[in-house]
PDB file of all heavy atoms in Angstrom:
ATOM      1  N   ASN A   1       0.831  -1.216   0.000  1.00  0.00           N
ATOM      2  CA  ASN A   1       0.000   0.000   0.000  1.00  0.00           C
ATOM      3  C   ASN A   1       0.861   1.260   0.000  1.00  0.00           C
ATOM      4  O   ASN A   1       0.542   2.243  -0.662  1.00  0.00           O
ATOM      5  CB  ASN A   1      -0.942   0.016   1.199  1.00  0.00           C
ATOM      6  CG  ASN A   1      -2.081  -0.961   1.058  1.00  0.00           C
ATOM      7  OD1 ASN A   1      -2.409  -1.407  -0.038  1.00  0.00           O
ATOM      8  ND2 ASN A   1      -2.689  -1.319   2.173  1.00  0.00           N
ATOM      9  N   ASN A   2       1.943   1.247   0.764  1.00  0.00           N
ATOM     10  CA  ASN A   2       2.841   2.394   0.823  1.00  0.00           C
ATOM     11  C   ASN A   2       3.529   2.607  -0.523  1.00  0.00           C
ATOM     12  O   ASN A   2       3.629   3.742  -1.004  1.00  0.00           O
ATOM     13  CB  ASN A   2       3.875   2.189   1.938  1.00  0.00           C
ATOM     14  CG  ASN A   2       4.604   3.447   2.297  1.00  0.00           C
ATOM     15  OD1 ASN A   2       4.144   4.549   2.048  1.00  0.00           O
ATOM     16  ND2 ASN A   2       5.760   3.292   2.902  1.00  0.00           N
ATOM     17  N   ILE A   3       3.969   1.527  -1.147  1.00  0.00           N
ATOM     18  CA  ILE A   3       4.589   1.618  -2.476  1.00  0.00           C
ATOM     19  C   ILE A   3       3.581   2.174  -3.478  1.00  0.00           C
ATOM     20  O   ILE A   3       3.903   3.061  -4.274  1.00  0.00           O
ATOM     21  CB  ILE A   3       5.105   0.234  -2.942  1.00  0.00           C
ATOM     22  CG1 ILE A   3       6.198  -0.294  -2.005  1.00  0.00           C
ATOM     23  CG2 ILE A   3       5.568   0.284  -4.392  1.00  0.00           C
ATOM     24  CD1 ILE A   3       7.468   0.512  -1.947  1.00  0.00           C
ATOM     25  N   SER A   4       2.362   1.679  -3.432  1.00  0.00           N
ATOM     26  CA  SER A   4       1.303   2.141  -4.324  1.00  0.00           C
ATOM     27  C   SER A   4       1.052   3.640  -4.168  1.00  0.00           C
ATOM     28  O   SER A   4       0.908   4.363  -5.150  1.00  0.00           O
ATOM     29  CB  SER A   4       0.021   1.355  -4.053  1.00  0.00           C
ATOM     30  OG  SER A   4      -1.006   1.781  -4.900  1.00  0.00           O
ATOM     31  N   MET A   5       1.029   4.110  -2.916  1.00  0.00           N
ATOM     32  CA  MET A   5       0.818   5.535  -2.647  1.00  0.00           C
ATOM     33  C   MET A   5       1.956   6.369  -3.248  1.00  0.00           C
ATOM     34  O   MET A   5       1.716   7.390  -3.895  1.00  0.00           O
ATOM     35  CB  MET A   5       0.739   5.785  -1.145  1.00  0.00           C
ATOM     36  CG  MET A   5       0.550   7.239  -0.775  1.00  0.00           C
ATOM     37  SD  MET A   5       0.818   7.567   0.973  1.00  0.00           S
ATOM     38  CE  MET A   5       2.555   7.212   1.143  1.00  0.00           C
ATOM     39  N   HIS A   6       3.189   5.929  -3.068  1.00  0.00           N
ATOM     40  CA  HIS A   6       4.333   6.659  -3.624  1.00  0.00           C
ATOM     41  C   HIS A   6       4.279   6.690  -5.144  1.00  0.00           C
ATOM     42  O   HIS A   6       4.512   7.743  -5.752  1.00  0.00           O
ATOM     43  CB  HIS A   6       5.652   6.042  -3.154  1.00  0.00           C
ATOM     44  CG  HIS A   6       6.018   6.391  -1.758  1.00  0.00           C
ATOM     45  ND1 HIS A   6       6.413   7.658  -1.370  1.00  0.00           N
ATOM     46  CD2 HIS A   6       6.049   5.644  -0.635  1.00  0.00           C
ATOM     47  CE1 HIS A   6       6.680   7.673  -0.081  1.00  0.00           C
ATOM     48  NE2 HIS A   6       6.459   6.454   0.397  1.00  0.00           N
ATOM     49  N   LEU A   7       3.971   5.559  -5.767  1.00  0.00           N
ATOM     50  CA  LEU A   7       3.880   5.516  -7.230  1.00  0.00           C
ATOM     51  C   LEU A   7       2.780   6.442  -7.732  1.00  0.00           C
ATOM     52  O   LEU A   7       2.978   7.165  -8.715  1.00  0.00           O
ATOM     53  CB  LEU A   7       3.637   4.083  -7.701  1.00  0.00           C
ATOM     54  CG  LEU A   7       4.834   3.140  -7.584  1.00  0.00           C
ATOM     55  CD1 LEU A   7       4.405   1.691  -7.763  1.00  0.00           C
ATOM     56  CD2 LEU A   7       5.916   3.507  -8.598  1.00  0.00           C
ATOM     57  N   LYS A   8       1.638   6.432  -7.066  1.00  0.00           N
ATOM     58  CA  LYS A   8       0.525   7.312  -7.453  1.00  0.00           C
ATOM     59  C   LYS A   8       0.977   8.771  -7.438  1.00  0.00           C
ATOM     60  O   LYS A   8       0.717   9.530  -8.381  1.00  0.00           O
ATOM     61  CB  LYS A   8      -0.652   7.097  -6.501  1.00  0.00           C
ATOM     62  CG  LYS A   8      -1.869   7.927  -6.819  1.00  0.00           C
ATOM     63  CD  LYS A   8      -2.999   7.620  -5.841  1.00  0.00           C
ATOM     64  CE  LYS A   8      -4.181   8.474  -6.164  1.00  0.00           C
ATOM     65  NZ  LYS A   8      -4.537   9.411  -5.126  1.00  0.00           N
ATOM     66  N   ASN A   9       1.672   9.168  -6.381  1.00  0.00           N
ATOM     67  CA  ASN A   9       2.159  10.546  -6.275  1.00  0.00           C
ATOM     68  C   ASN A   9       3.196  10.865  -7.349  1.00  0.00           C
ATOM     69  O   ASN A   9       3.180  11.957  -7.927  1.00  0.00           O
ATOM     70  CB  ASN A   9       2.758  10.806  -4.887  1.00  0.00           C
ATOM     71  CG  ASN A   9       1.699  10.845  -3.807  1.00  0.00           C
ATOM     72  OD1 ASN A   9       0.532  11.107  -4.067  1.00  0.00           O
ATOM     73  ND2 ASN A   9       2.101  10.558  -2.580  1.00  0.00           N
ATOM     74  N   ILE A  10       4.085   9.934  -7.622  1.00  0.00           N
ATOM     75  CA  ILE A  10       5.114  10.126  -8.653  1.00  0.00           C
ATOM     76  C   ILE A  10       4.470  10.383 -10.008  1.00  0.00           C
ATOM     77  O   ILE A  10       4.875  11.290 -10.747  1.00  0.00           O
ATOM     78  CB  ILE A  10       6.055   8.900  -8.703  1.00  0.00           C
ATOM     79  CG1 ILE A  10       6.950   8.877  -7.454  1.00  0.00           C
ATOM     80  CG2 ILE A  10       6.874   8.875  -9.984  1.00  0.00           C
ATOM     81  CD1 ILE A  10       7.647   7.553  -7.209  1.00  0.00           C
ATOM     82  N   PHE A  11       3.428   9.624 -10.342  1.00  0.00           N
ATOM     83  CA  PHE A  11       2.760   9.792 -11.630  1.00  0.00           C
ATOM     84  C   PHE A  11       1.894  11.042 -11.660  1.00  0.00           C
ATOM     85  O   PHE A  11       1.871  11.766 -12.655  1.00  0.00           O
ATOM     86  CB  PHE A  11       1.940   8.547 -11.979  1.00  0.00           C
ATOM     87  CG  PHE A  11       2.781   7.298 -12.111  1.00  0.00           C
ATOM     88  CD1 PHE A  11       2.358   6.102 -11.564  1.00  0.00           C
ATOM     89  CD2 PHE A  11       4.001   7.316 -12.772  1.00  0.00           C
ATOM     90  CE1 PHE A  11       3.122   4.947 -11.677  1.00  0.00           C
ATOM     91  CE2 PHE A  11       4.779   6.178 -12.892  1.00  0.00           C
ATOM     92  CZ  PHE A  11       4.339   4.987 -12.342  1.00  0.00           C
ATOM     93  N   GLU A  12       1.190  11.336 -10.569  1.00  0.00           N
ATOM     94  CA  GLU A  12       0.345  12.536 -10.523  1.00  0.00           C
ATOM     95  C   GLU A  12       1.165  13.821 -10.602  1.00  0.00           C
ATOM     96  O   GLU A  12       0.728  14.801 -11.200  1.00  0.00           O
ATOM     97  CB  GLU A  12      -0.502  12.544  -9.241  1.00  0.00           C
ATOM     98  CG  GLU A  12      -1.680  11.609  -9.287  1.00  0.00           C
ATOM     99  CD  GLU A  12      -2.511  11.629  -8.017  1.00  0.00           C
ATOM    100  OE1 GLU A  12      -2.139  12.318  -7.043  1.00  0.00           O
ATOM    101  OE2 GLU A  12      -3.545  10.932  -8.001  1.00  0.00           O
ATOM    102  N   GLU A  13       2.341  13.821  -9.995  1.00  0.00           N
ATOM    103  CA  GLU A  13       3.192  15.015  -9.997  1.00  0.00           C
ATOM    104  C   GLU A  13       4.010  15.148 -11.274  1.00  0.00           C
ATOM    105  O   GLU A  13       4.703  16.140 -11.472  1.00  0.00           O
ATOM    106  CB  GLU A  13       4.117  14.997  -8.771  1.00  0.00           C
ATOM    107  CG  GLU A  13       3.354  15.139  -7.465  1.00  0.00           C
ATOM    108  CD  GLU A  13       4.207  14.914  -6.227  1.00  0.00           C
ATOM    109  OE1 GLU A  13       5.445  14.729  -6.375  1.00  0.00           O
ATOM    110  OE2 GLU A  13       3.649  14.919  -5.121  1.00  0.00           O
ATOM    111  N   GLY A  14       3.945  14.155 -12.149  1.00  0.00           N
ATOM    112  CA  GLY A  14       4.653  14.199 -13.418  1.00  0.00           C
ATOM    113  C   GLY A  14       6.144  13.918 -13.312  1.00  0.00           C
ATOM    114  O   GLY A  14       6.893  14.199 -14.250  1.00  0.00           O
ATOM    115  N   GLU A  15       6.578  13.372 -12.178  1.00  0.00           N
ATOM    116  CA  GLU A  15       7.991  13.028 -12.029  1.00  0.00           C
ATOM    117  C   GLU A  15       8.395  11.982 -13.062  1.00  0.00           C
ATOM    118  O   GLU A  15       9.490  12.035 -13.623  1.00  0.00           O
ATOM    119  CB  GLU A  15       8.252  12.514 -10.618  1.00  0.00           C
ATOM    120  CG  GLU A  15       9.700  12.194 -10.333  1.00  0.00           C
ATOM    121  CD  GLU A  15       9.944  11.734  -8.903  1.00  0.00           C
ATOM    122  OE1 GLU A  15       9.097  11.953  -8.024  1.00  0.00           O
ATOM    123  OE2 GLU A  15      11.003  11.140  -8.684  1.00  0.00           O
ATOM    124  N   LEU A  16       7.499  11.024 -13.320  1.00  0.00           N
ATOM    125  CA  LEU A  16       7.702  10.005 -14.350  1.00  0.00           C
ATOM    126  C   LEU A  16       6.409   9.819 -15.120  1.00  0.00           C
ATOM    127  O   LEU A  16       5.326  10.029 -14.582  1.00  0.00           O
ATOM    128  CB  LEU A  16       8.099   8.663 -13.722  1.00  0.00           C
ATOM    129  CG  LEU A  16       9.444   8.574 -13.019  1.00  0.00           C
ATOM    130  CD1 LEU A  16       9.569   7.239 -12.291  1.00  0.00           C
ATOM    131  CD2 LEU A  16      10.588   8.745 -14.005  1.00  0.00           C
ATOM    132  N   GLU A  17       6.535   9.412 -16.380  1.00  0.00           N
ATOM    133  CA  GLU A  17       5.369   9.093 -17.194  1.00  0.00           C
ATOM    134  C   GLU A  17       5.052   7.614 -17.017  1.00  0.00           C
ATOM    135  O   GLU A  17       5.910   6.757 -17.263  1.00  0.00           O
ATOM    136  CB  GLU A  17       5.659   9.391 -18.658  1.00  0.00           C
ATOM    137  CG  GLU A  17       5.995  10.831 -18.910  1.00  0.00           C
ATOM    138  CD  GLU A  17       5.040  11.469 -19.868  1.00  0.00           C
ATOM    139  OE1 GLU A  17       4.135  10.780 -20.365  1.00  0.00           O
ATOM    140  OE2 GLU A  17       5.200  12.664 -20.110  1.00  0.00           O
ATOM    141  N   LYS A  18       3.846   7.319 -16.591  1.00  0.00           N
ATOM    142  CA  LYS A  18       3.450   5.948 -16.287  1.00  0.00           C
ATOM    143  C   LYS A  18       3.694   4.993 -17.455  1.00  0.00           C
ATOM    144  O   LYS A  18       4.224   3.897 -17.269  1.00  0.00           O
ATOM    145  CB  LYS A  18       1.976   5.922 -15.865  1.00  0.00           C
ATOM    146  CG  LYS A  18       1.516   4.603 -15.329  1.00  0.00           C
ATOM    147  CD  LYS A  18       0.105   4.696 -14.786  1.00  0.00           C
ATOM    148  CE  LYS A  18      -0.312   3.399 -14.139  1.00  0.00           C
ATOM    149  NZ  LYS A  18      -1.640   3.499 -13.527  1.00  0.00           N
ATOM    150  N   ASN A  19       3.338   5.415 -18.661  1.00  0.00           N
ATOM    151  CA  ASN A  19       3.447   4.504 -19.811  1.00  0.00           C
ATOM    152  C   ASN A  19       4.897   4.177 -20.189  1.00  0.00           C
ATOM    153  O   ASN A  19       5.135   3.240 -20.939  1.00  0.00           O
ATOM    154  CB  ASN A  19       2.687   5.035 -21.023  1.00  0.00           C
ATOM    155  CG  ASN A  19       3.224   6.354 -21.539  1.00  0.00           C
ATOM    156  OD1 ASN A  19       4.134   6.942 -20.957  1.00  0.00           O
ATOM    157  ND2 ASN A  19       2.648   6.835 -22.606  1.00  0.00           N
ATOM    158  N   SER A  20       5.868   4.909 -19.648  1.00  0.00           N
ATOM    159  CA  SER A  20       7.264   4.617 -19.977  1.00  0.00           C
ATOM    160  C   SER A  20       7.958   3.763 -18.914  1.00  0.00           C
ATOM    161  O   SER A  20       9.063   3.267 -19.150  1.00  0.00           O
ATOM    162  CB  SER A  20       8.051   5.913 -20.190  1.00  0.00           C
ATOM    163  OG  SER A  20       8.142   6.642 -18.989  1.00  0.00           O
ATOM    164  N   VAL A  21       7.320   3.576 -17.755  1.00  0.00           N
ATOM    165  CA  VAL A  21       7.978   2.829 -16.674  1.00  0.00           C
ATOM    166  C   VAL A  21       7.133   1.690 -16.103  1.00  0.00           C
ATOM    167  O   VAL A  21       7.510   1.072 -15.116  1.00  0.00           O
ATOM    168  CB  VAL A  21       8.431   3.764 -15.522  1.00  0.00           C
ATOM    169  CG1 VAL A  21       9.495   4.736 -15.996  1.00  0.00           C
ATOM    170  CG2 VAL A  21       7.255   4.486 -14.895  1.00  0.00           C
ATOM    171  N   VAL A  22       5.979   1.402 -16.717  1.00  0.00           N
ATOM    172  CA  VAL A  22       5.101   0.339 -16.218  1.00  0.00           C
ATOM    173  C   VAL A  22       4.799  -0.638 -17.350  1.00  0.00           C
ATOM    174  O   VAL A  22       4.472  -0.238 -18.460  1.00  0.00           O
ATOM    175  CB  VAL A  22       3.767   0.914 -15.676  1.00  0.00           C
ATOM    176  CG1 VAL A  22       2.876  -0.205 -15.154  1.00  0.00           C
ATOM    177  CG2 VAL A  22       4.013   1.948 -14.602  1.00  0.00           C
ATOM    178  N   LYS A  23       4.944  -1.952 -17.050  1.00  0.00           N
ATOM    179  CA  LYS A  23       4.606  -3.006 -18.002  1.00  0.00           C
ATOM    180  C   LYS A  23       3.965  -4.159 -17.252  1.00  0.00           C
ATOM    181  O   LYS A  23       4.237  -4.381 -16.085  1.00  0.00           O
ATOM    182  CB  LYS A  23       5.858  -3.559 -18.694  1.00  0.00           C
ATOM    183  CG  LYS A  23       6.381  -2.722 -19.807  1.00  0.00           C
ATOM    184  CD  LYS A  23       7.452  -3.472 -20.557  1.00  0.00           C
ATOM    185  CE  LYS A  23       7.986  -2.614 -21.676  1.00  0.00           C
ATOM    186  NZ  LYS A  23       8.959  -3.311 -22.493  1.00  0.00           N
ATOM    187  N   LYS A  24       3.129  -4.901 -17.972  1.00  0.00           N
ATOM    188  CA  LYS A  24       2.549  -6.123 -17.409  1.00  0.00           C
ATOM    189  C   LYS A  24       3.436  -7.306 -17.785  1.00  0.00           C
ATOM    190  O   LYS A  24       3.817  -7.448 -18.941  1.00  0.00           O
ATOM    191  CB  LYS A  24       1.139  -6.365 -17.942  1.00  0.00           C
ATOM    192  CG  LYS A  24       0.103  -5.465 -17.369  1.00  0.00           C
ATOM    193  CD  LYS A  24      -1.270  -5.845 -17.874  1.00  0.00           C
ATOM    194  CE  LYS A  24      -2.297  -4.851 -17.362  1.00  0.00           C
ATOM    195  NZ  LYS A  24      -3.617  -5.118 -17.901  1.00  0.00           N
ATOM    196  N   PHE A  25       3.760  -8.103 -16.789  1.00  0.00           N
ATOM    197  CA  PHE A  25       4.471  -9.355 -17.004  1.00  0.00           C
ATOM    198  C   PHE A  25       3.572 -10.476 -16.508  1.00  0.00           C
ATOM    199  O   PHE A  25       2.877 -10.315 -15.505  1.00  0.00           O
ATOM    200  CB  PHE A  25       5.779  -9.413 -16.204  1.00  0.00           C
ATOM    201  CG  PHE A  25       6.876  -8.539 -16.736  1.00  0.00           C
ATOM    202  CD1 PHE A  25       6.964  -7.201 -16.376  1.00  0.00           C
ATOM    203  CD2 PHE A  25       7.831  -9.061 -17.587  1.00  0.00           C
ATOM    204  CE1 PHE A  25       7.980  -6.405 -16.849  1.00  0.00           C
ATOM    205  CE2 PHE A  25       8.858  -8.268 -18.067  1.00  0.00           C
ATOM    206  CZ  PHE A  25       8.935  -6.934 -17.706  1.00  0.00           C
ATOM    207  N   LEU A  26       3.583 -11.613 -17.191  1.00  0.00           N
ATOM    208  CA  LEU A  26       2.845 -12.772 -16.696  1.00  0.00           C
ATOM    209  C   LEU A  26       3.655 -13.416 -15.579  1.00  0.00           C
ATOM    210  O   LEU A  26       4.841 -13.685 -15.739  1.00  0.00           O
ATOM    211  CB  LEU A  26       2.602 -13.779 -17.811  1.00  0.00           C
ATOM    212  CG  LEU A  26       1.537 -13.396 -18.818  1.00  0.00           C
ATOM    213  CD1 LEU A  26       1.428 -14.471 -19.895  1.00  0.00           C
ATOM    214  CD2 LEU A  26       0.191 -13.196 -18.149  1.00  0.00           C
ATOM    215  N   THR A  27       3.017 -13.640 -14.450  1.00  0.00           N
ATOM    216  CA  THR A  27       3.658 -14.250 -13.290  1.00  0.00           C
ATOM    217  C   THR A  27       2.920 -15.535 -12.948  1.00  0.00           C
ATOM    218  O   THR A  27       1.691 -15.552 -12.911  1.00  0.00           O
ATOM    219  CB  THR A  27       3.616 -13.281 -12.082  1.00  0.00           C
ATOM    220  OG1 THR A  27       4.288 -12.078 -12.458  1.00  0.00           O
ATOM    221  CG2 THR A  27       4.288 -13.868 -10.875  1.00  0.00           C
ATOM    222  N   THR A  28       3.673 -16.595 -12.709  1.00  0.00           N
ATOM    223  CA  THR A  28       3.072 -17.869 -12.336  1.00  0.00           C
ATOM    224  C   THR A  28       2.846 -17.901 -10.832  1.00  0.00           C
ATOM    225  O   THR A  28       3.767 -17.716 -10.048  1.00  0.00           O
ATOM    226  CB  THR A  28       3.971 -19.049 -12.747  1.00  0.00           C
ATOM    227  OG1 THR A  28       4.235 -18.948 -14.147  1.00  0.00           O
ATOM    228  CG2 THR A  28       3.294 -20.373 -12.457  1.00  0.00           C
ATOM    229  N   ALA A  29       1.607 -18.125 -10.440  1.00  0.00           N
ATOM    230  CA  ALA A  29       1.235 -18.173  -9.022  1.00  0.00           C
ATOM    231  C   ALA A  29       1.407 -19.585  -8.477  1.00  0.00           C
ATOM    232  O   ALA A  29       1.704 -20.524  -9.220  1.00  0.00           O
ATOM    233  CB  ALA A  29      -0.216 -17.712  -8.855  1.00  0.00           C
ATOM    234  N   ASN A  30       1.194 -19.729  -7.181  1.00  0.00           N
ATOM    235  CA  ASN A  30       1.325 -21.035  -6.530  1.00  0.00           C
ATOM    236  C   ASN A  30       0.373 -22.079  -7.109  1.00  0.00           C
ATOM    237  O   ASN A  30       0.651 -23.274  -7.053  1.00  0.00           O
ATOM    238  CB  ASN A  30       1.097 -20.914  -5.023  1.00  0.00           C
ATOM    239  CG  ASN A  30       2.218 -20.158  -4.353  1.00  0.00           C
ATOM    240  OD1 ASN A  30       3.318 -20.087  -4.870  1.00  0.00           O
ATOM    241  ND2 ASN A  30       1.936 -19.592  -3.193  1.00  0.00           N
ATOM    242  N   ASP A  31      -0.745 -21.618  -7.663  1.00  0.00           N
ATOM    243  CA  ASP A  31      -1.712 -22.553  -8.239  1.00  0.00           C
ATOM    244  C   ASP A  31      -1.334 -22.996  -9.657  1.00  0.00           C
ATOM    245  O   ASP A  31      -2.049 -23.759 -10.294  1.00  0.00           O
ATOM    246  CB  ASP A  31      -3.117 -21.953  -8.229  1.00  0.00           C
ATOM    247  CG  ASP A  31      -3.249 -20.696  -9.073  1.00  0.00           C
ATOM    248  OD1 ASP A  31      -2.283 -20.318  -9.780  1.00  0.00           O
ATOM    249  OD2 ASP A  31      -4.318 -20.061  -9.026  1.00  0.00           O
ATOM    250  N   GLY A  32      -0.182 -22.500 -10.152  1.00  0.00           N
ATOM    251  CA  GLY A  32       0.297 -22.879 -11.479  1.00  0.00           C
ATOM    252  C   GLY A  32      -0.266 -22.034 -12.607  1.00  0.00           C
ATOM    253  O   GLY A  32       0.173 -22.157 -13.746  1.00  0.00           O
ATOM    254  N   LYS A  33      -1.226 -21.170 -12.309  1.00  0.00           N
ATOM    255  CA  LYS A  33      -1.805 -20.300 -13.329  1.00  0.00           C
ATOM    256  C   LYS A  33      -0.940 -19.061 -13.501  1.00  0.00           C
ATOM    257  O   LYS A  33      -0.257 -18.632 -12.580  1.00  0.00           O
ATOM    258  CB  LYS A  33      -3.219 -19.884 -12.933  1.00  0.00           C
ATOM    259  CG  LYS A  33      -4.196 -21.032 -12.906  1.00  0.00           C
ATOM    260  CD  LYS A  33      -5.577 -20.552 -12.511  1.00  0.00           C
ATOM    261  CE  LYS A  33      -6.552 -21.703 -12.409  1.00  0.00           C
ATOM    262  NZ  LYS A  33      -7.863 -21.268 -11.946  1.00  0.00           N
ATOM    263  N   LYS A  34      -1.016 -18.489 -14.698  1.00  0.00           N
ATOM    264  CA  LYS A  34      -0.268 -17.262 -14.988  1.00  0.00           C
ATOM    265  C   LYS A  34      -1.206 -16.073 -14.898  1.00  0.00           C
ATOM    266  O   LYS A  34      -2.306 -16.090 -15.448  1.00  0.00           O
ATOM    267  CB  LYS A  34       0.376 -17.342 -16.367  1.00  0.00           C
ATOM    268  CG  LYS A  34       1.441 -18.406 -16.421  1.00  0.00           C
ATOM    269  CD  LYS A  34       2.172 -18.403 -17.731  1.00  0.00           C
ATOM    270  CE  LYS A  34       3.168 -19.534 -17.701  1.00  0.00           C
ATOM    271  NZ  LYS A  34       4.364 -19.267 -18.389  1.00  0.00           N
ATOM    272  N   TYR A  35      -0.744 -15.042 -14.204  1.00  0.00           N
ATOM    273  CA  TYR A  35      -1.531 -13.831 -14.010  1.00  0.00           C
ATOM    274  C   TYR A  35      -0.718 -12.615 -14.433  1.00  0.00           C
ATOM    275  O   TYR A  35       0.492 -12.569 -14.196  1.00  0.00           O
ATOM    276  CB  TYR A  35      -1.907 -13.674 -12.532  1.00  0.00           C
ATOM    277  CG  TYR A  35      -2.779 -14.783 -12.009  1.00  0.00           C
ATOM    278  CD1 TYR A  35      -2.230 -15.892 -11.375  1.00  0.00           C
ATOM    279  CD2 TYR A  35      -4.161 -14.725 -12.151  1.00  0.00           C
ATOM    280  CE1 TYR A  35      -3.029 -16.919 -10.889  1.00  0.00           C
ATOM    281  CE2 TYR A  35      -4.963 -15.749 -11.679  1.00  0.00           C
ATOM    282  CZ  TYR A  35      -4.396 -16.835 -11.047  1.00  0.00           C
ATOM    283  OH  TYR A  35      -5.197 -17.846 -10.573  1.00  0.00           O
ATOM    284  N   PRO A  36      -1.383 -11.604 -15.042  1.00  0.00           N
ATOM    285  CA  PRO A  36      -0.653 -10.378 -15.383  1.00  0.00           C
ATOM    286  C   PRO A  36      -0.421  -9.555 -14.118  1.00  0.00           C
ATOM    287  O   PRO A  36      -1.337  -9.327 -13.329  1.00  0.00           O
ATOM    288  CB  PRO A  36      -1.598  -9.655 -16.349  1.00  0.00           C
ATOM    289  CG  PRO A  36      -2.955 -10.198 -16.052  1.00  0.00           C
ATOM    290  CD  PRO A  36      -2.763 -11.581 -15.509  1.00  0.00           C
ATOM    291  N   VAL A  37       0.826  -9.148 -13.919  1.00  0.00           N
ATOM    292  CA  VAL A  37       1.193  -8.342 -12.757  1.00  0.00           C
ATOM    293  C   VAL A  37       1.971  -7.133 -13.259  1.00  0.00           C
ATOM    294  O   VAL A  37       2.890  -7.273 -14.075  1.00  0.00           O
ATOM    295  CB  VAL A  37       2.078  -9.150 -11.775  1.00  0.00           C
ATOM    296  CG1 VAL A  37       2.560  -8.278 -10.631  1.00  0.00           C
ATOM    297  CG2 VAL A  37       1.310 -10.360 -11.249  1.00  0.00           C
ATOM    298  N   LEU A  38       1.602  -5.943 -12.771  1.00  0.00           N
ATOM    299  CA  LEU A  38       2.324  -4.737 -13.162  1.00  0.00           C
ATOM    300  C   LEU A  38       3.726  -4.758 -12.574  1.00  0.00           C
ATOM    301  O   LEU A  38       3.916  -5.075 -11.398  1.00  0.00           O
ATOM    302  CB  LEU A  38       1.596  -3.483 -12.689  1.00  0.00           C
ATOM    303  CG  LEU A  38       0.247  -3.185 -13.343  1.00  0.00           C
ATOM    304  CD1 LEU A  38      -0.371  -1.937 -12.729  1.00  0.00           C
ATOM    305  CD2 LEU A  38       0.387  -3.038 -14.844  1.00  0.00           C
ATOM    306  N   HIS A  39       4.706  -4.404 -13.409  1.00  0.00           N
ATOM    307  CA  HIS A  39       6.091  -4.275 -12.983  1.00  0.00           C
ATOM    308  C   HIS A  39       6.565  -2.864 -13.334  1.00  0.00           C
ATOM    309  O   HIS A  39       6.094  -2.274 -14.301  1.00  0.00           O
ATOM    310  CB  HIS A  39       6.978  -5.317 -13.666  1.00  0.00           C
ATOM    311  CG  HIS A  39       6.867  -6.667 -13.063  1.00  0.00           C
ATOM    312  ND1 HIS A  39       5.735  -7.436 -13.162  1.00  0.00           N
ATOM    313  CD2 HIS A  39       7.745  -7.385 -12.334  1.00  0.00           C
ATOM    314  CE1 HIS A  39       5.929  -8.578 -12.527  1.00  0.00           C
ATOM    315  NE2 HIS A  39       7.144  -8.572 -12.012  1.00  0.00           N
TER     316      HIS A  39
END
């Protein structure tokens, strides 16, 4: 939650452009399924 709050502020203040530093990667969970996770 703290990381999320900092990222939200970074993007809202224009310190970084979200589309240039965020990507979805497929991550395999404990159940063996792959899920998209923001990196």
